[in-house]
Amino acid sequence: MEDFEKYIKDNAKLFDVEPGEGHYDRFEAKLKQKQQNKRRSLVRQSMQVAAVGLLLIMSGLYITDRFILNEDKSEMSYNQEFVEAQYYYTSQINSGIHTLQEIDGVMSDEQRAMLVEELSEADTLFDELQADLKAAPNDPRVLEAMLNHYRVKAMIINKIVKDLEQINDTEKDKVYENAKI
């Protein structure tokens, strides 16, 4: 160690030399390059960890779906079709009821009350079907009867709406013709 100190003292002029022009800029560029490489490797490692995690999740879902769940796929697709059909018919029914509420002057209060009574009777039958569905959740006969109920109810409401719209249009035409004369 003493030899090293002696060497530095003897050659002090060699160590007092200032670095060349641009030395600090090159040194700073090299530091930035190393920092960027560290960031890139960190991003790369994070992506690899995320890919492995995604692979584990997907394989877990596959194993669960393929081997653990005991439900029959045909029943699931049948139930999905039932839900889609149920949504379609209920939206048709609700649209028809909304249209019935908007049509003014064509139906009397007595006719409206009669229509509401008929629809509520149909709903009590539907409630019985729902009770049957709770007793036998995957019975295709009950599901088909429920869809048939929706289909018939939508058809009846749409027929009533069409008839009332025709009556409303003819009354408007009569009013227009009378006003024209």
C-alpha atoms as a PDB file:
ATOM      1  CA  MET A   1       0.000   0.000   0.000  1.00  0.00           C
ATOM      2  CA  GLU A   2       2.916   2.350   0.714  1.00  0.00           C
ATOM      3  CA  ASP A   3       4.317   1.713  -2.744  1.00  0.00           C
ATOM      4  CA  PHE A   4       1.021   2.721  -4.244  1.00  0.00           C
ATOM      5  CA  GLU A   5       0.920   5.997  -2.283  1.00  0.00           C
ATOM      6  CA  LYS A   6       4.523   6.723  -3.239  1.00  0.00           C
ATOM      7  CA  TYR A   7       3.725   6.077  -6.902  1.00  0.00           C
ATOM      8  CA  ILE A   8       0.778   8.524  -6.788  1.00  0.00           C
ATOM      9  CA  LYS A   9       2.895  11.236  -5.108  1.00  0.00           C
ATOM     10  CA  ASP A  10       5.740  10.787  -7.560  1.00  0.00           C
ATOM     11  CA  ASN A  11       3.429  10.955 -10.570  1.00  0.00           C
ATOM     12  CA  ALA A  12       0.963  13.605  -9.336  1.00  0.00           C
ATOM     13  CA  LYS A  13       1.213  15.533 -12.581  1.00  0.00           C
ATOM     14  CA  LEU A  14      -0.216  12.586 -14.510  1.00  0.00           C
ATOM     15  CA  PHE A  15      -3.280  12.514 -12.257  1.00  0.00           C
ATOM     16  CA  ASP A  16      -3.911  16.302 -12.382  1.00  0.00           C
ATOM     17  CA  VAL A  17      -4.849  16.204 -16.051  1.00  0.00           C
ATOM     18  CA  GLU A  18      -8.421  17.281 -16.807  1.00  0.00           C
ATOM     19  CA  PRO A  19     -10.501  14.864 -18.917  1.00  0.00           C
ATOM     20  CA  GLY A  20     -10.940  15.675 -22.597  1.00  0.00           C
ATOM     21  CA  GLU A  21     -13.776  17.704 -24.036  1.00  0.00           C
ATOM     22  CA  GLY A  22     -17.142  15.872 -24.034  1.00  0.00           C
ATOM     23  CA  HIS A  23     -15.963  13.352 -21.452  1.00  0.00           C
ATOM     24  CA  TYR A  24     -18.741  14.244 -18.997  1.00  0.00           C
ATOM     25  CA  ASP A  25     -21.375  14.134 -21.751  1.00  0.00           C
ATOM     26  CA  ARG A  26     -20.220  10.665 -22.834  1.00  0.00           C
ATOM     27  CA  PHE A  27     -20.166   9.504 -19.220  1.00  0.00           C
ATOM     28  CA  GLU A  28     -23.708  10.836 -18.643  1.00  0.00           C
ATOM     29  CA  ALA A  29     -24.922   9.193 -21.868  1.00  0.00           C
ATOM     30  CA  LYS A  30     -23.502   5.855 -20.706  1.00  0.00           C
ATOM     31  CA  LEU A  31     -25.300   6.232 -17.340  1.00  0.00           C
ATOM     32  CA  LYS A  32     -28.593   6.998 -19.080  1.00  0.00           C
ATOM     33  CA  GLN A  33     -28.103   4.013 -21.375  1.00  0.00           C
ATOM     34  CA  LYS A  34     -27.623   1.727 -18.366  1.00  0.00           C
ATOM     35  CA  GLN A  35     -30.729   3.167 -16.659  1.00  0.00           C
ATOM     36  CA  GLN A  36     -32.791   2.603 -19.818  1.00  0.00           C
ATOM     37  CA  ASN A  37     -31.498  -0.949 -20.076  1.00  0.00           C
ATOM     38  CA  LYS A  38     -32.521  -1.532 -16.459  1.00  0.00           C
ATOM     39  CA  ARG A  39     -36.018  -0.165 -17.191  1.00  0.00           C
ATOM     40  CA  ARG A  40     -36.326  -2.312 -20.294  1.00  0.00           C
ATOM     41  CA  SER A  41     -35.282  -5.408 -18.413  1.00  0.00           C
ATOM     42  CA  LEU A  42     -37.748  -4.545 -15.629  1.00  0.00           C
ATOM     43  CA  VAL A  43     -40.567  -4.120 -18.168  1.00  0.00           C
ATOM     44  CA  ARG A  44     -39.542  -7.356 -19.885  1.00  0.00           C
ATOM     45  CA  GLN A  45     -39.522  -9.234 -16.582  1.00  0.00           C
ATOM     46  CA  SER A  46     -42.908  -7.751 -15.634  1.00  0.00           C
ATOM     47  CA  MET A  47     -44.367  -8.862 -18.968  1.00  0.00           C
ATOM     48  CA  GLN A  48     -42.979 -12.359 -18.455  1.00  0.00           C
ATOM     49  CA  VAL A  49     -44.505 -12.557 -14.970  1.00  0.00           C
ATOM     50  CA  ALA A  50     -47.846 -11.297 -16.332  1.00  0.00           C
ATOM     51  CA  ALA A  51     -47.755 -13.871 -19.153  1.00  0.00           C
ATOM     52  CA  VAL A  52     -47.081 -16.701 -16.699  1.00  0.00           C
ATOM     53  CA  GLY A  53     -49.894 -15.456 -14.440  1.00  0.00           C
ATOM     54  CA  LEU A  54     -52.294 -15.275 -17.388  1.00  0.00           C
ATOM     55  CA  LEU A  55     -51.283 -18.760 -18.451  1.00  0.00           C
ATOM     56  CA  LEU A  56     -51.954 -20.096 -14.945  1.00  0.00           C
ATOM     57  CA  ILE A  57     -55.359 -18.380 -14.787  1.00  0.00           C
ATOM     58  CA  MET A  58     -56.393 -19.665 -18.215  1.00  0.00           C
ATOM     59  CA  SER A  59     -55.271 -23.210 -17.431  1.00  0.00           C
ATOM     60  CA  GLY A  60     -57.163 -23.062 -14.132  1.00  0.00           C
ATOM     61  CA  LEU A  61     -60.305 -21.942 -15.932  1.00  0.00           C
ATOM     62  CA  TYR A  62     -59.874 -24.679 -18.521  1.00  0.00           C
ATOM     63  CA  ILE A  63     -59.404 -27.370 -15.886  1.00  0.00           C
ATOM     64  CA  THR A  64     -62.370 -26.075 -13.897  1.00  0.00           C
ATOM     65  CA  ASP A  65     -64.591 -25.958 -16.950  1.00  0.00           C
ATOM     66  CA  ARG A  66     -63.440 -29.261 -18.378  1.00  0.00           C
ATOM     67  CA  PHE A  67     -63.115 -31.506 -15.339  1.00  0.00           C
ATOM     68  CA  ILE A  68     -64.613 -29.965 -12.215  1.00  0.00           C
ATOM     69  CA  LEU A  69     -67.980 -28.640 -13.365  1.00  0.00           C
ATOM     70  CA  ASN A  70     -70.493 -31.457 -13.675  1.00  0.00           C
ATOM     71  CA  GLU A  71     -73.166 -29.517 -15.536  1.00  0.00           C
ATOM     72  CA  ASP A  72     -74.230 -30.784 -18.907  1.00  0.00           C
ATOM     73  CA  LYS A  73     -73.254 -28.368 -21.692  1.00  0.00           C
ATOM     74  CA  SER A  74     -76.486 -28.971 -23.604  1.00  0.00           C
ATOM     75  CA  GLU A  75     -78.538 -27.958 -20.575  1.00  0.00           C
ATOM     76  CA  MET A  76     -76.449 -24.811 -20.173  1.00  0.00           C
ATOM     77  CA  SER A  77     -76.889 -23.840 -23.821  1.00  0.00           C
ATOM     78  CA  TYR A  78     -80.606 -24.642 -23.587  1.00  0.00           C
ATOM     79  CA  ASN A  79     -80.906 -22.417 -20.510  1.00  0.00           C
ATOM     80  CA  GLN A  80     -78.961 -19.654 -22.290  1.00  0.00           C
ATOM     81  CA  GLU A  81     -81.337 -19.876 -25.247  1.00  0.00           C
ATOM     82  CA  PHE A  82     -84.276 -19.732 -22.845  1.00  0.00           C
ATOM     83  CA  VAL A  83     -82.901 -16.585 -21.168  1.00  0.00           C
ATOM     84  CA  GLU A  84     -82.363 -14.906 -24.547  1.00  0.00           C
ATOM     85  CA  ALA A  85     -85.869 -15.807 -25.733  1.00  0.00           C
ATOM     86  CA  GLN A  86     -87.343 -14.668 -22.413  1.00  0.00           C
ATOM     87  CA  TYR A  87     -85.567 -11.313 -22.758  1.00  0.00           C
ATOM     88  CA  TYR A  88     -86.824 -10.913 -26.324  1.00  0.00           C
ATOM     89  CA  TYR A  89     -90.453 -11.639 -25.458  1.00  0.00           C
ATOM     90  CA  THR A  90     -90.482  -9.517 -22.299  1.00  0.00           C
ATOM     91  CA  SER A  91     -89.062  -6.580 -24.237  1.00  0.00           C
ATOM     92  CA  GLN A  92     -91.771  -7.091 -26.898  1.00  0.00           C
ATOM     93  CA  ILE A  93     -94.465  -7.238 -24.207  1.00  0.00           C
ATOM     94  CA  ASN A  94     -93.156  -4.156 -22.403  1.00  0.00           C
ATOM     95  CA  SER A  95     -92.939  -2.244 -25.671  1.00  0.00           C
ATOM     96  CA  GLY A  96     -96.542  -3.194 -26.511  1.00  0.00           C
ATOM     97  CA  ILE A  97     -97.790  -2.191 -23.053  1.00  0.00           C
ATOM     98  CA  HIS A  98     -95.965   1.132 -23.366  1.00  0.00           C
ATOM     99  CA  THR A  99     -97.601   1.723 -26.748  1.00  0.00           C
ATOM    100  CA  LEU A 100    -101.006   0.841 -25.290  1.00  0.00           C
ATOM    101  CA  GLN A 101    -100.512   3.439 -22.575  1.00  0.00           C
ATOM    102  CA  GLU A 102     -99.611   6.076 -25.160  1.00  0.00           C
ATOM    103  CA  ILE A 103    -102.696   5.532 -27.335  1.00  0.00           C
ATOM    104  CA  ASP A 104    -105.370   7.907 -26.057  1.00  0.00           C
ATOM    105  CA  GLY A 105    -109.057   8.160 -26.752  1.00  0.00           C
ATOM    106  CA  VAL A 106    -109.527   4.811 -28.481  1.00  0.00           C
ATOM    107  CA  MET A 107    -110.173   2.587 -25.458  1.00  0.00           C
ATOM    108  CA  SER A 108    -112.734   3.358 -22.808  1.00  0.00           C
ATOM    109  CA  ASP A 109    -111.959   2.956 -19.123  1.00  0.00           C
ATOM    110  CA  GLU A 110    -114.065  -0.201 -19.045  1.00  0.00           C
ATOM    111  CA  GLN A 111    -112.086  -1.712 -21.940  1.00  0.00           C
ATOM    112  CA  ARG A 112    -108.778  -0.814 -20.271  1.00  0.00           C
ATOM    113  CA  ALA A 113    -109.918  -2.427 -17.010  1.00  0.00           C
ATOM    114  CA  MET A 114    -110.958  -5.548 -18.895  1.00  0.00           C
ATOM    115  CA  LEU A 115    -107.579  -5.712 -20.660  1.00  0.00           C
ATOM    116  CA  VAL A 116    -105.692  -5.293 -17.374  1.00  0.00           C
ATOM    117  CA  GLU A 117    -107.818  -8.042 -15.804  1.00  0.00           C
ATOM    118  CA  GLU A 118    -107.106 -10.439 -18.672  1.00  0.00           C
ATOM    119  CA  LEU A 119    -103.376  -9.739 -18.510  1.00  0.00           C
ATOM    120  CA  SER A 120    -103.322 -10.255 -14.743  1.00  0.00           C
ATOM    121  CA  GLU A 121    -105.105 -13.620 -15.163  1.00  0.00           C
ATOM    122  CA  ALA A 122    -102.450 -14.628 -17.655  1.00  0.00           C
ATOM    123  CA  ASP A 123     -99.807 -13.553 -15.158  1.00  0.00           C
ATOM    124  CA  THR A 124    -101.296 -15.791 -12.454  1.00  0.00           C
ATOM    125  CA  LEU A 125    -100.958 -18.734 -14.836  1.00  0.00           C
ATOM    126  CA  PHE A 126     -97.397 -17.686 -15.467  1.00  0.00           C
ATOM    127  CA  ASP A 127     -96.735 -17.583 -11.715  1.00  0.00           C
ATOM    128  CA  GLU A 128     -97.829 -21.227 -11.576  1.00  0.00           C
ATOM    129  CA  LEU A 129     -95.350 -22.020 -14.343  1.00  0.00           C
ATOM    130  CA  GLN A 130     -92.592 -20.311 -12.379  1.00  0.00           C
ATOM    131  CA  ALA A 131     -93.458 -22.430  -9.344  1.00  0.00           C
ATOM    132  CA  ASP A 132     -93.221 -25.512 -11.550  1.00  0.00           C
ATOM    133  CA  LEU A 133     -89.847 -24.286 -12.827  1.00  0.00           C
ATOM    134  CA  LYS A 134     -88.561 -23.980  -9.259  1.00  0.00           C
ATOM    135  CA  ALA A 135     -89.657 -27.551  -8.613  1.00  0.00           C
ATOM    136  CA  ALA A 136     -88.020 -28.863 -11.805  1.00  0.00           C
ATOM    137  CA  PRO A 137     -85.406 -26.309 -12.949  1.00  0.00           C
ATOM    138  CA  ASN A 138     -84.347 -28.020 -16.168  1.00  0.00           C
ATOM    139  CA  ASP A 139     -87.638 -29.528 -17.284  1.00  0.00           C
ATOM    140  CA  PRO A 140     -87.891 -28.641 -20.987  1.00  0.00           C
ATOM    141  CA  ARG A 141     -91.691 -28.892 -20.903  1.00  0.00           C
ATOM    142  CA  VAL A 142     -91.945 -26.142 -18.282  1.00  0.00           C
ATOM    143  CA  LEU A 143     -89.444 -23.960 -20.130  1.00  0.00           C
ATOM    144  CA  GLU A 144     -91.334 -24.460 -23.382  1.00  0.00           C
ATOM    145  CA  ALA A 145     -94.651 -23.648 -21.677  1.00  0.00           C
ATOM    146  CA  MET A 146     -93.142 -20.441 -20.270  1.00  0.00           C
ATOM    147  CA  LEU A 147     -91.844 -19.431 -23.707  1.00  0.00           C
ATOM    148  CA  ASN A 148     -95.230 -20.242 -25.205  1.00  0.00           C
ATOM    149  CA  HIS A 149     -96.859 -18.005 -22.582  1.00  0.00           C
ATOM    150  CA  TYR A 150     -94.522 -15.154 -23.500  1.00  0.00           C
ATOM    151  CA  ARG A 151     -95.099 -15.746 -27.206  1.00  0.00           C
ATOM    152  CA  VAL A 152     -98.898 -15.725 -26.887  1.00  0.00           C
ATOM    153  CA  LYS A 153     -98.939 -12.697 -24.589  1.00  0.00           C
ATOM    154  CA  ALA A 154     -96.681 -10.730 -26.961  1.00  0.00           C
ATOM    155  CA  MET A 155     -98.810 -11.759 -29.926  1.00  0.00           C
ATOM    156  CA  ILE A 156    -102.046 -10.690 -28.206  1.00  0.00           C
ATOM    157  CA  ILE A 157    -100.651  -7.335 -27.090  1.00  0.00           C
ATOM    158  CA  ASN A 158     -99.211  -6.641 -30.553  1.00  0.00           C
ATOM    159  CA  LYS A 159    -102.562  -7.524 -32.165  1.00  0.00           C
ATOM    160  CA  ILE A 160    -104.409  -5.180 -29.788  1.00  0.00           C
ATOM    161  CA  VAL A 161    -101.887  -2.399 -30.495  1.00  0.00           C
ATOM    162  CA  LYS A 162    -102.267  -2.856 -34.270  1.00  0.00           C
ATOM    163  CA  ASP A 163    -106.057  -2.832 -34.044  1.00  0.00           C
ATOM    164  CA  LEU A 164    -106.096   0.254 -31.827  1.00  0.00           C
ATOM    165  CA  GLU A 165    -103.660   2.056 -34.123  1.00  0.00           C
ATOM    166  CA  GLN A 166    -105.885   1.267 -37.123  1.00  0.00           C
ATOM    167  CA  ILE A 167    -108.924   2.552 -35.251  1.00  0.00           C
ATOM    168  CA  ASN A 168    -106.995   5.651 -34.179  1.00  0.00           C
ATOM    169  CA  ASP A 169    -105.829   6.266 -37.780  1.00  0.00           C
ATOM    170  CA  THR A 170    -109.346   5.894 -39.211  1.00  0.00           C
ATOM    171  CA  GLU A 171    -110.717   8.309 -36.580  1.00  0.00           C
ATOM    172  CA  LYS A 172    -108.001  10.812 -37.468  1.00  0.00           C
ATOM    173  CA  ASP A 173    -108.854  10.430 -41.148  1.00  0.00           C
ATOM    174  CA  LYS A 174    -112.562  11.082 -40.379  1.00  0.00           C
ATOM    175  CA  VAL A 175    -111.667  14.170 -38.357  1.00  0.00           C
ATOM    176  CA  TYR A 176    -109.414  15.355 -41.185  1.00  0.00           C
ATOM    177  CA  GLU A 177    -112.122  14.727 -43.816  1.00  0.00           C
ATOM    178  CA  ASN A 178    -114.737  16.562 -41.717  1.00  0.00           C
ATOM    179  CA  ALA A 179    -112.378  19.486 -41.220  1.00  0.00           C
ATOM    180  CA  LYS A 180    -111.623  19.571 -44.954  1.00  0.00           C
ATOM    181  CA  ILE A 181    -115.284  19.763 -45.943  1.00  0.00           C
END
